[in-house]
Amino acid sequence: MTGDVDLDGDQLIARRYLDAEPALVWEVFTTPEHLAAFWGGHHATVPPDSVVVDLRVGGTFALETEGADGGRRPLRFRYEVVEPPARLVLAEARTGITTEIRLRPSGRGTTLLVHQRRLPPELRSAQARTGLAGILDRLDTVLHELTSATDRERQ
């Protein structure tokens, strides 16, 4: 797992190499059970029954995160761009944040770019950088578990 998360003004930009093909990374980003497994990162959990995916332009992506204190935070996005298996763009109306997710084949895996734009001042922080890095760490773990399970099934 290699990558970094940079804060640049009102933007967070994360790059990460993932040891999985773009089609599998796409599946994980668009399947409720997988989203629940990684979206909270190290700082929160996502109840699987809270995840809604209506994967089409104009469709809804929604979930709740639950922090260590038990507090729940609903997140609701609108799919602005759906280009399998290469690009998703999500917009959150409440905050104005737009998140672009790009997947590019790279060797035997995928280079992932997550670009969040129009972050409100409270999310322009080291904590936001750490949070996104934690989400991508969990994503990498979920992908590793899936590819390991597939390898075991083939044997």
N, C-alpha and C. Protein backbone atom coordinates (compact mmCIF):
# COMPACT_ATOMS: atom_id res chain seq x y z
N MET A 1 0.85 -1.16 0.00
CA MET A 1 0.00 0.00 0.00
C MET A 1 0.90 1.22 0.00
N THR A 2 0.76 2.04 -1.03
CA THR A 2 1.52 3.27 -1.08
C THR A 2 0.58 4.39 -1.49
N GLY A 3 0.84 5.57 -0.95
CA GLY A 3 0.02 6.70 -1.33
C GLY A 3 0.21 7.85 -0.38
N ASP A 4 -0.50 8.93 -0.68
CA ASP A 4 -0.43 10.11 0.15
C ASP A 4 -1.73 10.89 0.04
N VAL A 5 -1.95 11.76 1.02
CA VAL A 5 -3.11 12.63 1.04
C VAL A 5 -2.59 14.05 1.28
N ASP A 6 -2.91 14.96 0.36
CA ASP A 6 -2.46 16.35 0.46
C ASP A 6 -3.65 17.28 0.61
N LEU A 7 -3.48 18.28 1.46
CA LEU A 7 -4.46 19.34 1.62
C LEU A 7 -3.93 20.54 0.87
N ASP A 8 -4.74 21.07 -0.07
CA ASP A 8 -4.35 22.21 -0.88
C ASP A 8 -5.51 23.20 -0.89
N GLY A 9 -5.47 24.18 0.00
CA GLY A 9 -6.56 25.14 0.10
C GLY A 9 -7.84 24.43 0.52
N ASP A 10 -8.86 24.50 -0.34
CA ASP A 10 -10.14 23.86 -0.03
C ASP A 10 -10.28 22.49 -0.71
N GLN A 11 -9.13 21.84 -0.95
CA GLN A 11 -9.15 20.54 -1.63
C GLN A 11 -8.31 19.52 -0.86
N LEU A 12 -8.79 18.27 -0.86
CA LEU A 12 -8.01 17.13 -0.41
C LEU A 12 -7.76 16.26 -1.63
N ILE A 13 -6.51 15.87 -1.84
CA ILE A 13 -6.16 15.06 -2.99
C ILE A 13 -5.38 13.85 -2.49
N ALA A 14 -5.93 12.67 -2.74
CA ALA A 14 -5.29 11.43 -2.30
C ALA A 14 -4.93 10.58 -3.50
N ARG A 15 -3.74 10.01 -3.45
CA ARG A 15 -3.30 9.07 -4.47
C ARG A 15 -2.86 7.80 -3.77
N ARG A 16 -3.24 6.67 -4.34
CA ARG A 16 -2.90 5.40 -3.69
C ARG A 16 -2.81 4.32 -4.76
N TYR A 17 -1.77 3.49 -4.66
CA TYR A 17 -1.70 2.30 -5.50
C TYR A 17 -2.39 1.17 -4.75
N LEU A 18 -3.26 0.46 -5.45
CA LEU A 18 -3.98 -0.67 -4.87
C LEU A 18 -3.65 -1.93 -5.66
N ASP A 19 -3.36 -3.00 -4.97
CA ASP A 19 -2.98 -4.25 -5.61
C ASP A 19 -4.23 -5.05 -5.99
N ALA A 20 -5.05 -4.44 -6.84
CA ALA A 20 -6.28 -5.07 -7.34
C ALA A 20 -6.63 -4.40 -8.67
N GLU A 21 -7.26 -5.15 -9.54
CA GLU A 21 -7.64 -4.60 -10.85
C GLU A 21 -8.74 -3.56 -10.70
N PRO A 22 -8.81 -2.60 -11.63
CA PRO A 22 -9.84 -1.55 -11.55
C PRO A 22 -11.26 -2.08 -11.41
N ALA A 23 -11.59 -3.18 -12.06
CA ALA A 23 -12.96 -3.72 -11.98
C ALA A 23 -13.31 -4.10 -10.54
N LEU A 24 -12.36 -4.67 -9.81
CA LEU A 24 -12.62 -5.03 -8.42
C LEU A 24 -12.70 -3.78 -7.54
N VAL A 25 -11.84 -2.82 -7.76
CA VAL A 25 -11.89 -1.58 -6.98
C VAL A 25 -13.23 -0.89 -7.23
N TRP A 26 -13.67 -0.87 -8.48
CA TRP A 26 -14.98 -0.29 -8.82
C TRP A 26 -16.09 -1.00 -8.06
N GLU A 27 -16.05 -2.33 -8.06
CA GLU A 27 -17.06 -3.11 -7.36
C GLU A 27 -17.12 -2.74 -5.87
N VAL A 28 -15.95 -2.58 -5.27
CA VAL A 28 -15.90 -2.25 -3.85
C VAL A 28 -16.46 -0.85 -3.59
N PHE A 29 -16.22 0.09 -4.51
CA PHE A 29 -16.74 1.45 -4.36
C PHE A 29 -18.24 1.56 -4.66
N THR A 30 -18.83 0.51 -5.21
CA THR A 30 -20.23 0.61 -5.64
C THR A 30 -21.14 -0.47 -5.06
N THR A 31 -20.66 -1.25 -4.12
CA THR A 31 -21.44 -2.32 -3.50
C THR A 31 -21.65 -2.00 -2.02
N PRO A 32 -22.91 -1.95 -1.57
CA PRO A 32 -23.17 -1.55 -0.19
C PRO A 32 -22.36 -2.29 0.87
N GLU A 33 -22.27 -3.62 0.79
CA GLU A 33 -21.56 -4.36 1.83
C GLU A 33 -20.08 -3.97 1.89
N HIS A 34 -19.47 -3.74 0.74
CA HIS A 34 -18.06 -3.35 0.72
C HIS A 34 -17.87 -1.91 1.20
N LEU A 35 -18.76 -1.02 0.78
CA LEU A 35 -18.69 0.37 1.25
C LEU A 35 -18.78 0.43 2.77
N ALA A 36 -19.68 -0.35 3.34
CA ALA A 36 -19.82 -0.39 4.80
C ALA A 36 -18.54 -0.87 5.47
N ALA A 37 -17.81 -1.75 4.80
CA ALA A 37 -16.60 -2.32 5.39
C ALA A 37 -15.44 -1.34 5.44
N PHE A 38 -15.40 -0.35 4.52
CA PHE A 38 -14.24 0.53 4.52
C PHE A 38 -14.53 2.01 4.74
N TRP A 39 -15.73 2.50 4.48
CA TRP A 39 -15.97 3.94 4.44
C TRP A 39 -15.66 4.66 5.75
N GLY A 40 -15.84 4.03 6.87
CA GLY A 40 -15.57 4.70 8.15
C GLY A 40 -14.10 4.83 8.49
N GLY A 41 -13.24 4.14 7.75
CA GLY A 41 -11.82 4.22 8.03
C GLY A 41 -11.49 3.69 9.40
N HIS A 42 -10.57 4.38 10.08
CA HIS A 42 -10.16 3.98 11.43
C HIS A 42 -10.99 4.68 12.50
N HIS A 43 -11.74 5.70 12.11
CA HIS A 43 -12.40 6.56 13.10
C HIS A 43 -13.89 6.30 13.29
N ALA A 44 -14.50 5.49 12.45
CA ALA A 44 -15.95 5.28 12.53
C ALA A 44 -16.31 3.93 11.92
N THR A 45 -17.52 3.48 12.20
CA THR A 45 -18.07 2.31 11.54
C THR A 45 -19.27 2.75 10.72
N VAL A 46 -19.64 1.92 9.78
CA VAL A 46 -20.81 2.18 8.94
C VAL A 46 -21.75 1.00 9.07
N PRO A 47 -22.93 1.20 9.68
CA PRO A 47 -23.89 0.10 9.74
C PRO A 47 -24.28 -0.32 8.32
N PRO A 48 -24.11 -1.59 7.98
CA PRO A 48 -24.40 -2.04 6.62
C PRO A 48 -25.80 -1.68 6.14
N ASP A 49 -26.79 -1.71 7.04
CA ASP A 49 -28.16 -1.41 6.60
C ASP A 49 -28.38 0.08 6.33
N SER A 50 -27.37 0.92 6.59
CA SER A 50 -27.51 2.36 6.31
C SER A 50 -27.06 2.73 4.91
N VAL A 51 -26.42 1.80 4.19
CA VAL A 51 -25.84 2.12 2.88
C VAL A 51 -26.87 1.96 1.77
N VAL A 52 -27.03 3.01 0.98
CA VAL A 52 -27.92 3.01 -0.18
C VAL A 52 -27.08 3.37 -1.40
N VAL A 53 -27.18 2.55 -2.46
CA VAL A 53 -26.46 2.82 -3.70
C VAL A 53 -27.46 2.73 -4.85
N ASP A 54 -27.72 3.86 -5.48
CA ASP A 54 -28.53 3.92 -6.71
C ASP A 54 -27.57 4.42 -7.78
N LEU A 55 -26.81 3.48 -8.35
CA LEU A 55 -25.66 3.77 -9.19
C LEU A 55 -26.07 4.22 -10.59
N ARG A 56 -26.40 5.50 -10.70
CA ARG A 56 -26.73 6.13 -11.98
C ARG A 56 -26.59 7.63 -11.78
N VAL A 57 -26.35 8.34 -12.86
CA VAL A 57 -26.29 9.80 -12.76
C VAL A 57 -27.62 10.29 -12.20
N GLY A 58 -27.54 11.07 -11.15
CA GLY A 58 -28.73 11.55 -10.45
C GLY A 58 -29.17 10.64 -9.32
N GLY A 59 -28.56 9.46 -9.23
CA GLY A 59 -28.90 8.51 -8.17
C GLY A 59 -28.27 8.90 -6.85
N THR A 60 -28.72 8.24 -5.80
CA THR A 60 -28.29 8.54 -4.44
C THR A 60 -27.28 7.53 -3.94
N PHE A 61 -26.29 8.04 -3.23
CA PHE A 61 -25.38 7.24 -2.43
C PHE A 61 -25.49 7.82 -1.02
N ALA A 62 -25.94 6.99 -0.08
CA ALA A 62 -26.13 7.47 1.29
C ALA A 62 -25.64 6.41 2.27
N LEU A 63 -25.21 6.90 3.45
CA LEU A 63 -24.80 6.01 4.52
C LEU A 63 -24.74 6.81 5.81
N GLU A 64 -24.58 6.10 6.91
CA GLU A 64 -24.37 6.73 8.21
C GLU A 64 -23.04 6.25 8.76
N THR A 65 -22.28 7.18 9.34
CA THR A 65 -21.09 6.77 10.07
C THR A 65 -21.40 6.87 11.56
N GLU A 66 -20.81 5.97 12.32
CA GLU A 66 -20.99 5.96 13.77
C GLU A 66 -19.62 6.07 14.42
N GLY A 67 -19.42 7.15 15.17
CA GLY A 67 -18.15 7.39 15.84
C GLY A 67 -18.01 6.58 17.12
N ALA A 68 -16.83 6.62 17.69
CA ALA A 68 -16.54 5.90 18.93
C ALA A 68 -17.45 6.35 20.07
N ASP A 69 -17.93 7.59 20.00
CA ASP A 69 -18.81 8.12 21.04
C ASP A 69 -20.26 7.70 20.85
N GLY A 70 -20.54 6.93 19.78
CA GLY A 70 -21.90 6.47 19.49
C GLY A 70 -22.69 7.43 18.65
N GLY A 71 -22.13 8.61 18.40
CA GLY A 71 -22.83 9.60 17.57
C GLY A 71 -22.86 9.16 16.11
N ARG A 72 -24.02 9.37 15.49
CA ARG A 72 -24.19 9.00 14.08
C ARG A 72 -24.23 10.24 13.21
N ARG A 73 -23.63 10.13 12.05
CA ARG A 73 -23.61 11.24 11.09
C ARG A 73 -24.07 10.72 9.74
N PRO A 74 -25.23 11.18 9.27
CA PRO A 74 -25.69 10.75 7.95
C PRO A 74 -24.94 11.50 6.84
N LEU A 75 -24.60 10.78 5.81
CA LEU A 75 -23.99 11.37 4.63
C LEU A 75 -24.87 11.01 3.43
N ARG A 76 -25.08 11.98 2.57
CA ARG A 76 -25.93 11.76 1.40
C ARG A 76 -25.29 12.46 0.21
N PHE A 77 -25.08 11.69 -0.84
CA PHE A 77 -24.45 12.19 -2.05
C PHE A 77 -25.35 11.94 -3.26
N ARG A 78 -25.10 12.69 -4.29
CA ARG A 78 -25.76 12.49 -5.59
C ARG A 78 -24.66 12.09 -6.57
N TYR A 79 -24.91 11.02 -7.32
CA TYR A 79 -23.95 10.64 -8.37
C TYR A 79 -24.06 11.64 -9.52
N GLU A 80 -22.96 12.32 -9.79
CA GLU A 80 -22.90 13.28 -10.90
C GLU A 80 -22.32 12.65 -12.16
N VAL A 81 -21.36 11.72 -11.97
CA VAL A 81 -20.72 11.01 -13.08
C VAL A 81 -20.57 9.56 -12.66
N VAL A 82 -20.95 8.65 -13.57
CA VAL A 82 -20.78 7.21 -13.36
C VAL A 82 -20.20 6.65 -14.66
N GLU A 83 -18.90 6.35 -14.65
CA GLU A 83 -18.21 5.84 -15.83
C GLU A 83 -17.44 4.58 -15.44
N PRO A 84 -18.13 3.41 -15.42
CA PRO A 84 -17.46 2.19 -14.98
C PRO A 84 -16.36 1.75 -15.94
N PRO A 85 -15.31 1.18 -15.47
CA PRO A 85 -14.83 1.10 -14.10
C PRO A 85 -13.76 2.15 -13.82
N ALA A 86 -13.97 3.38 -14.28
CA ALA A 86 -12.89 4.36 -14.23
C ALA A 86 -13.15 5.62 -13.42
N ARG A 87 -14.42 6.05 -13.29
CA ARG A 87 -14.63 7.36 -12.69
C ARG A 87 -16.01 7.49 -12.06
N LEU A 88 -16.02 8.03 -10.84
CA LEU A 88 -17.24 8.41 -10.14
C LEU A 88 -17.07 9.86 -9.67
N VAL A 89 -18.14 10.62 -9.73
CA VAL A 89 -18.16 11.94 -9.13
C VAL A 89 -19.41 12.02 -8.26
N LEU A 90 -19.20 12.38 -6.99
CA LEU A 90 -20.27 12.47 -6.00
C LEU A 90 -20.35 13.92 -5.52
N ALA A 91 -21.58 14.40 -5.33
CA ALA A 91 -21.77 15.74 -4.78
C ALA A 91 -22.62 15.64 -3.53
N GLU A 92 -22.22 16.39 -2.50
CA GLU A 92 -23.00 16.44 -1.28
C GLU A 92 -23.63 17.83 -1.19
N ALA A 93 -24.95 17.88 -1.30
CA ALA A 93 -25.67 19.16 -1.36
C ALA A 93 -25.52 19.96 -0.06
N ARG A 94 -25.51 19.29 1.08
CA ARG A 94 -25.48 20.00 2.36
C ARG A 94 -24.22 20.83 2.53
N THR A 95 -23.06 20.26 2.15
CA THR A 95 -21.78 20.96 2.34
C THR A 95 -21.23 21.58 1.07
N GLY A 96 -21.68 21.11 -0.08
CA GLY A 96 -21.13 21.57 -1.35
C GLY A 96 -19.89 20.83 -1.79
N ILE A 97 -19.47 19.83 -1.00
CA ILE A 97 -18.28 19.06 -1.36
C ILE A 97 -18.56 18.20 -2.59
N THR A 98 -17.60 18.20 -3.50
CA THR A 98 -17.63 17.30 -4.65
C THR A 98 -16.44 16.36 -4.53
N THR A 99 -16.69 15.06 -4.67
CA THR A 99 -15.63 14.06 -4.58
C THR A 99 -15.53 13.33 -5.91
N GLU A 100 -14.36 13.37 -6.51
CA GLU A 100 -14.10 12.65 -7.75
C GLU A 100 -13.20 11.46 -7.42
N ILE A 101 -13.57 10.29 -7.92
CA ILE A 101 -12.82 9.06 -7.72
C ILE A 101 -12.43 8.56 -9.10
N ARG A 102 -11.12 8.47 -9.33
CA ARG A 102 -10.60 7.97 -10.61
C ARG A 102 -9.80 6.70 -10.38
N LEU A 103 -10.02 5.71 -11.24
CA LEU A 103 -9.31 4.44 -11.19
C LEU A 103 -8.58 4.25 -12.52
N ARG A 104 -7.27 4.02 -12.43
CA ARG A 104 -6.48 3.84 -13.64
C ARG A 104 -5.65 2.57 -13.52
N PRO A 105 -5.71 1.69 -14.53
CA PRO A 105 -4.87 0.50 -14.49
C PRO A 105 -3.40 0.91 -14.33
N SER A 106 -2.70 0.17 -13.50
CA SER A 106 -1.29 0.49 -13.25
C SER A 106 -0.57 -0.82 -12.93
N GLY A 107 0.20 -1.31 -13.86
CA GLY A 107 0.86 -2.60 -13.66
C GLY A 107 -0.18 -3.67 -13.44
N ARG A 108 -0.05 -4.41 -12.33
CA ARG A 108 -1.03 -5.46 -12.01
C ARG A 108 -2.15 -4.95 -11.13
N GLY A 109 -2.17 -3.65 -10.86
CA GLY A 109 -3.16 -3.11 -9.95
C GLY A 109 -3.83 -1.86 -10.48
N THR A 110 -4.12 -0.95 -9.56
CA THR A 110 -4.88 0.26 -9.88
C THR A 110 -4.28 1.45 -9.16
N THR A 111 -4.16 2.55 -9.87
CA THR A 111 -3.84 3.82 -9.22
C THR A 111 -5.16 4.52 -8.97
N LEU A 112 -5.39 4.85 -7.71
CA LEU A 112 -6.62 5.51 -7.27
C LEU A 112 -6.31 6.98 -7.00
N LEU A 113 -7.17 7.85 -7.50
CA LEU A 113 -7.11 9.27 -7.18
C LEU A 113 -8.46 9.66 -6.57
N VAL A 114 -8.44 10.23 -5.38
CA VAL A 114 -9.64 10.78 -4.75
C VAL A 114 -9.39 12.27 -4.61
N HIS A 115 -10.25 13.07 -5.23
CA HIS A 115 -10.08 14.52 -5.23
C HIS A 115 -11.36 15.15 -4.68
N GLN A 116 -11.26 15.68 -3.48
CA GLN A 116 -12.40 16.36 -2.86
C GLN A 116 -12.22 17.86 -3.03
N ARG A 117 -13.26 18.52 -3.54
CA ARG A 117 -13.22 19.96 -3.79
C ARG A 117 -14.27 20.67 -2.95
N ARG A 118 -14.02 21.95 -2.71
CA ARG A 118 -14.93 22.83 -1.97
C ARG A 118 -15.16 22.36 -0.53
N LEU A 119 -14.08 21.98 0.13
CA LEU A 119 -14.19 21.59 1.53
C LEU A 119 -14.53 22.82 2.37
N PRO A 120 -15.49 22.68 3.29
CA PRO A 120 -15.75 23.79 4.21
C PRO A 120 -14.55 23.96 5.14
N PRO A 121 -14.40 25.15 5.75
CA PRO A 121 -13.23 25.41 6.59
C PRO A 121 -12.97 24.35 7.67
N GLU A 122 -14.01 23.78 8.28
CA GLU A 122 -13.80 22.80 9.35
C GLU A 122 -13.20 21.48 8.84
N LEU A 123 -13.24 21.26 7.53
CA LEU A 123 -12.65 20.04 6.97
C LEU A 123 -11.31 20.28 6.28
N ARG A 124 -10.79 21.47 6.39
CA ARG A 124 -9.47 21.80 5.84
C ARG A 124 -8.44 21.63 6.96
N SER A 125 -8.21 20.37 7.34
CA SER A 125 -7.41 20.12 8.53
C SER A 125 -6.59 18.84 8.40
N ALA A 126 -5.63 18.74 9.30
CA ALA A 126 -4.84 17.51 9.38
C ALA A 126 -5.73 16.32 9.73
N GLN A 127 -6.76 16.56 10.54
CA GLN A 127 -7.69 15.49 10.91
C GLN A 127 -8.42 14.96 9.68
N ALA A 128 -8.81 15.85 8.76
CA ALA A 128 -9.48 15.41 7.53
C ALA A 128 -8.52 14.59 6.67
N ARG A 129 -7.26 15.01 6.60
CA ARG A 129 -6.25 14.24 5.85
C ARG A 129 -6.10 12.85 6.45
N THR A 130 -5.99 12.79 7.77
CA THR A 130 -5.84 11.51 8.46
C THR A 130 -7.07 10.64 8.25
N GLY A 131 -8.25 11.25 8.30
CA GLY A 131 -9.49 10.50 8.10
C GLY A 131 -9.56 9.87 6.72
N LEU A 132 -9.23 10.64 5.67
CA LEU A 132 -9.25 10.10 4.32
C LEU A 132 -8.18 9.02 4.16
N ALA A 133 -7.01 9.23 4.74
CA ALA A 133 -5.97 8.19 4.68
C ALA A 133 -6.44 6.91 5.34
N GLY A 134 -7.16 7.03 6.47
CA GLY A 134 -7.69 5.85 7.15
C GLY A 134 -8.72 5.11 6.32
N ILE A 135 -9.57 5.86 5.62
CA ILE A 135 -10.55 5.23 4.72
C ILE A 135 -9.83 4.45 3.63
N LEU A 136 -8.79 5.04 3.06
CA LEU A 136 -8.05 4.36 1.99
C LEU A 136 -7.27 3.16 2.52
N ASP A 137 -6.79 3.24 3.77
CA ASP A 137 -6.15 2.07 4.39
C ASP A 137 -7.16 0.93 4.52
N ARG A 138 -8.37 1.24 4.99
CA ARG A 138 -9.42 0.21 5.12
C ARG A 138 -9.80 -0.34 3.75
N LEU A 139 -9.90 0.53 2.74
CA LEU A 139 -10.18 0.08 1.38
C LEU A 139 -9.13 -0.95 0.94
N ASP A 140 -7.87 -0.63 1.18
CA ASP A 140 -6.80 -1.54 0.81
C ASP A 140 -6.95 -2.88 1.52
N THR A 141 -7.31 -2.86 2.80
CA THR A 141 -7.51 -4.09 3.57
C THR A 141 -8.66 -4.91 2.99
N VAL A 142 -9.78 -4.26 2.68
CA VAL A 142 -10.93 -4.96 2.11
C VAL A 142 -10.54 -5.60 0.78
N LEU A 143 -9.83 -4.87 -0.06
CA LEU A 143 -9.40 -5.42 -1.36
C LEU A 143 -8.47 -6.61 -1.16
N HIS A 144 -7.56 -6.51 -0.21
CA HIS A 144 -6.65 -7.62 0.08
C HIS A 144 -7.43 -8.86 0.53
N GLU A 145 -8.41 -8.66 1.40
CA GLU A 145 -9.23 -9.78 1.86
C GLU A 145 -9.99 -10.41 0.70
N LEU A 146 -10.53 -9.61 -0.19
CA LEU A 146 -11.28 -10.13 -1.34
C LEU A 146 -10.37 -10.89 -2.30
N THR A 147 -9.20 -10.34 -2.59
CA THR A 147 -8.31 -11.03 -3.52
C THR A 147 -7.74 -12.29 -2.90
N SER A 148 -7.49 -12.28 -1.59
CA SER A 148 -7.00 -13.49 -0.91
C SER A 148 -8.06 -14.58 -0.93
N ALA A 149 -9.32 -14.22 -0.70
CA ALA A 149 -10.42 -15.19 -0.73
C ALA A 149 -10.57 -15.78 -2.13
N THR A 150 -10.45 -14.94 -3.15
CA THR A 150 -10.57 -15.42 -4.53
C THR A 150 -9.41 -16.37 -4.84
N ASP A 151 -8.19 -16.02 -4.41
CA ASP A 151 -7.04 -16.90 -4.64
C ASP A 151 -7.24 -18.25 -3.96
N ARG A 152 -7.77 -18.26 -2.74
CA ARG A 152 -8.01 -19.53 -2.02
C ARG A 152 -9.06 -20.37 -2.76
N GLU A 153 -10.08 -19.74 -3.30
CA GLU A 153 -11.13 -20.47 -4.01
C GLU A 153 -10.58 -21.12 -5.27
N ARG A 154 -9.61 -20.51 -5.91
CA ARG A 154 -9.04 -21.04 -7.14
C ARG A 154 -8.14 -22.25 -6.90
N GLN A 155 -7.66 -22.38 -5.67
CA GLN A 155 -6.72 -23.47 -5.38
C GLN A 155 -7.42 -24.77 -5.11
